[in-house]
Amino acid sequence: MVIKVFLATSSGSTAIKKKQQDVVGFLEALKVDYAQLDIACSEDNRMWMRQNVPEEKKPANGIPLPPQIFNEDSYCGDYETFFDAKEDNSVYNFLGLPPPPGSKEGEQAEKALIVENGTHAEENPDDSIQAQVEEEEEQEEEDLQSEDEEETEVQEEEEEEGVEETQEEEAE
């Protein structure tokens, strides 16, 4: 699946340029495979984009402005819907791609799947995270106490050895 981003490389509008840069930069940061299709230099790209943006998504004048985003032939959305998906941590869903393991979106999908399958996800996931953090802190405290106790024992043994050596020297 290739994400297609329709852009206008020779746009005179700084707003459009910024929106295009935002989309492309974010896709690059996510390491999503995408293709940039220039509508300014290719009449075929411009016509394809205009024909494949759904009527309900076209502006009042009927001509959609770049950037427009597609997953192959399936329309994903324009900059505003991309921005909303970015804010909601649902860009992969917006693009019609599976979220990578470990991503926020992937974790949300897993929780939704758990609930959907009839088992209950945690009531408040922040509680379980907090419990895990507290458990790790307790373990660190115990480790530090163990280290302190070991250091104290070593110091006591060294002191005892020092006393014994002093006593032996005095005895000689």
Protein backbone atom coordinates (compact mmCIF):
# COMPACT_ATOMS: atom_id res chain seq x y z
CA MET A 1 0.00 0.00 0.00
CA VAL A 2 1.41 3.31 -1.03
CA ILE A 3 0.16 6.56 0.41
CA LYS A 4 -0.25 9.20 -2.27
CA VAL A 5 0.12 12.84 -1.31
CA PHE A 6 -1.00 15.27 -3.99
CA LEU A 7 1.01 18.49 -3.77
CA ALA A 8 1.57 21.65 -5.75
CA THR A 9 5.32 22.28 -5.85
CA SER A 10 4.92 25.70 -7.43
CA SER A 11 2.11 27.01 -5.25
CA GLY A 12 2.13 30.73 -4.57
CA SER A 13 0.29 30.27 -1.28
CA THR A 14 2.49 30.05 1.81
CA ALA A 15 -0.41 28.47 3.72
CA ILE A 16 -0.61 25.60 1.22
CA LYS A 17 3.19 25.19 1.27
CA LYS A 18 3.20 24.97 5.08
CA LYS A 19 0.38 22.43 5.08
CA GLN A 20 2.18 20.32 2.48
CA GLN A 21 5.43 20.47 4.47
CA ASP A 22 3.58 19.49 7.64
CA VAL A 23 2.04 16.40 6.02
CA VAL A 24 5.25 15.29 4.31
CA GLY A 25 7.39 15.96 7.39
CA PHE A 26 5.05 13.98 9.63
CA LEU A 27 4.89 11.03 7.23
CA GLU A 28 8.69 11.02 7.05
CA ALA A 29 8.95 11.12 10.85
CA LEU A 30 6.63 8.10 11.05
CA LYS A 31 8.66 6.40 8.29
CA VAL A 32 5.51 5.84 6.24
CA ASP A 33 6.06 4.97 2.57
CA TYR A 34 4.44 7.63 0.46
CA ALA A 35 4.64 9.11 -3.01
CA GLN A 36 4.46 12.82 -3.75
CA LEU A 37 2.40 13.55 -6.83
CA ASP A 38 2.73 17.06 -8.20
CA ILE A 39 -0.47 18.59 -9.56
CA ALA A 40 1.29 21.75 -10.74
CA CYS A 41 3.48 19.96 -13.29
CA SER A 42 1.19 17.11 -14.27
CA GLU A 43 -2.27 17.59 -15.70
CA ASP A 44 -2.92 13.84 -15.24
CA ASN A 45 -2.20 14.08 -11.49
CA ARG A 46 -4.39 17.18 -11.16
CA MET A 47 -7.31 15.56 -13.00
CA TRP A 48 -6.98 12.26 -11.09
CA MET A 49 -6.97 14.09 -7.74
CA ARG A 50 -9.97 16.25 -8.64
CA GLN A 51 -11.98 13.28 -9.90
CA ASN A 52 -11.23 11.07 -6.89
CA VAL A 53 -11.91 13.50 -4.04
CA PRO A 54 -15.48 12.66 -2.94
CA GLU A 55 -18.08 15.32 -3.77
CA GLU A 56 -18.96 15.86 -0.08
CA LYS A 57 -15.29 16.63 0.66
CA LYS A 58 -14.86 19.21 -2.10
CA PRO A 59 -14.97 22.90 -1.19
CA ALA A 60 -17.79 25.18 -2.33
CA ASN A 61 -15.99 26.10 -5.55
CA GLY A 62 -15.61 22.38 -6.38
CA ILE A 63 -11.83 22.43 -6.72
CA PRO A 64 -9.97 20.66 -3.89
CA LEU A 65 -6.68 22.24 -2.87
CA PRO A 66 -3.52 20.34 -2.00
CA PRO A 67 -2.48 18.52 0.03
CA GLN A 68 -4.93 15.69 -0.63
CA ILE A 69 -4.07 12.24 0.74
CA PHE A 70 -4.99 8.83 -0.67
CA ASN A 71 -4.15 5.24 0.20
CA GLU A 72 -3.77 3.84 -3.33
CA ASP A 73 -7.19 4.76 -4.82
CA SER A 74 -8.94 5.18 -1.47
CA TYR A 75 -9.43 8.77 -0.32
CA CYS A 76 -8.07 9.50 3.17
CA GLY A 77 -8.62 13.23 3.45
CA ASP A 78 -7.25 16.73 3.18
CA TYR A 79 -4.97 18.67 5.50
CA GLU A 80 -7.67 19.45 8.07
CA THR A 81 -8.69 15.80 8.51
CA PHE A 82 -5.00 14.80 8.58
CA PHE A 83 -4.35 17.39 11.28
CA ASP A 84 -7.31 16.14 13.33
CA ALA A 85 -6.03 12.55 13.04
CA LYS A 86 -2.57 13.71 14.11
CA GLU A 87 -4.03 15.44 17.17
CA ASP A 88 -6.07 12.33 18.06
CA ASN A 89 -3.07 9.97 17.63
CA SER A 90 -4.96 8.15 14.88
CA VAL A 91 -2.84 8.90 11.80
CA TYR A 92 -2.39 5.22 10.91
CA ASN A 93 -6.16 4.70 11.07
CA PHE A 94 -6.63 7.84 8.95
CA LEU A 95 -4.17 6.46 6.38
CA GLY A 96 -5.75 3.00 6.43
CA LEU A 97 -2.53 1.43 7.70
CA PRO A 98 -1.98 -0.92 10.65
CA PRO A 99 -0.32 0.92 13.54
CA PRO A 100 3.17 -0.28 14.46
CA PRO A 101 3.52 -2.24 17.70
CA GLY A 102 4.27 -0.04 20.68
CA SER A 103 2.75 3.12 19.20
CA LYS A 104 0.01 4.98 21.08
CA GLU A 105 -2.38 4.19 18.26
CA GLY A 106 -1.39 0.51 18.39
CA GLU A 107 -2.04 0.37 22.14
CA GLN A 108 -5.44 2.03 21.67
CA ALA A 109 -6.30 -0.51 18.97
CA GLU A 110 -5.30 -3.39 21.24
CA LYS A 111 -7.50 -2.07 24.06
CA ALA A 112 -10.42 -1.65 21.66
CA LEU A 113 -9.90 -5.21 20.44
CA ILE A 114 -9.87 -6.54 24.02
CA VAL A 115 -13.17 -4.80 24.77
CA GLU A 116 -14.63 -5.94 21.45
CA ASN A 117 -13.75 -9.58 22.18
CA GLY A 118 -15.77 -9.57 25.38
CA THR A 119 -13.00 -9.21 27.91
CA HIS A 120 -12.70 -6.00 29.81
CA ALA A 121 -9.87 -3.60 29.31
CA GLU A 122 -8.64 -1.90 32.43
CA GLU A 123 -11.13 0.65 33.72
CA ASN A 124 -8.47 3.31 33.91
CA PRO A 125 -5.23 2.48 32.10
CA ASP A 126 -3.47 5.30 33.94
CA ASP A 127 -4.04 3.40 37.21
CA SER A 128 -2.19 0.35 35.94
CA ILE A 129 0.65 2.50 34.67
CA GLN A 130 0.83 4.28 38.02
CA ALA A 131 0.85 0.93 39.84
CA GLN A 132 3.67 -0.29 37.62
CA VAL A 133 5.68 2.88 38.27
CA GLU A 134 5.13 2.54 42.03
CA GLU A 135 6.21 -1.11 41.91
CA GLU A 136 9.39 -0.18 40.04
CA GLU A 137 10.13 2.58 42.57
CA GLU A 138 9.64 0.15 45.47
CA GLN A 139 12.01 -2.32 43.81
CA GLU A 140 14.63 0.40 43.36
CA GLU A 141 14.28 1.37 47.04
CA GLU A 142 14.72 -2.25 48.10
CA ASP A 143 17.78 -2.57 45.87
CA LEU A 144 19.28 0.60 47.37
CA GLN A 145 18.58 -0.66 50.91
CA SER A 146 20.26 -3.96 50.10
CA GLU A 147 23.30 -2.12 48.73
CA ASP A 148 23.43 0.09 51.85
CA GLU A 149 23.23 -2.98 54.11
CA GLU A 150 26.02 -4.69 52.17
CA GLU A 151 28.20 -1.56 52.41
CA THR A 152 27.56 -1.34 56.14
CA GLU A 153 28.53 -5.00 56.61
CA VAL A 154 31.74 -4.50 54.62
CA GLN A 155 32.60 -1.40 56.65
CA GLU A 156 31.96 -3.26 59.92
CA GLU A 157 34.15 -6.15 58.77
CA GLU A 158 36.94 -3.75 57.80
CA GLU A 159 36.69 -2.01 61.15
CA GLU A 160 36.86 -5.37 62.97
CA GLU A 161 39.91 -6.38 60.92
CA GLY A 162 41.52 -3.03 61.70
CA VAL A 163 40.88 -3.52 65.43
CA GLU A 164 42.29 -7.06 65.30
CA GLU A 165 45.42 -5.84 63.46
CA THR A 166 45.90 -3.07 66.02
CA GLN A 167 45.52 -5.55 68.86
CA GLU A 168 48.01 -7.93 67.25
CA GLU A 169 50.51 -5.09 66.77
CA GLU A 170 50.10 -4.05 70.40
CA ALA A 171 50.56 -7.61 71.53
CA GLU A 172 53.86 -7.88 69.68
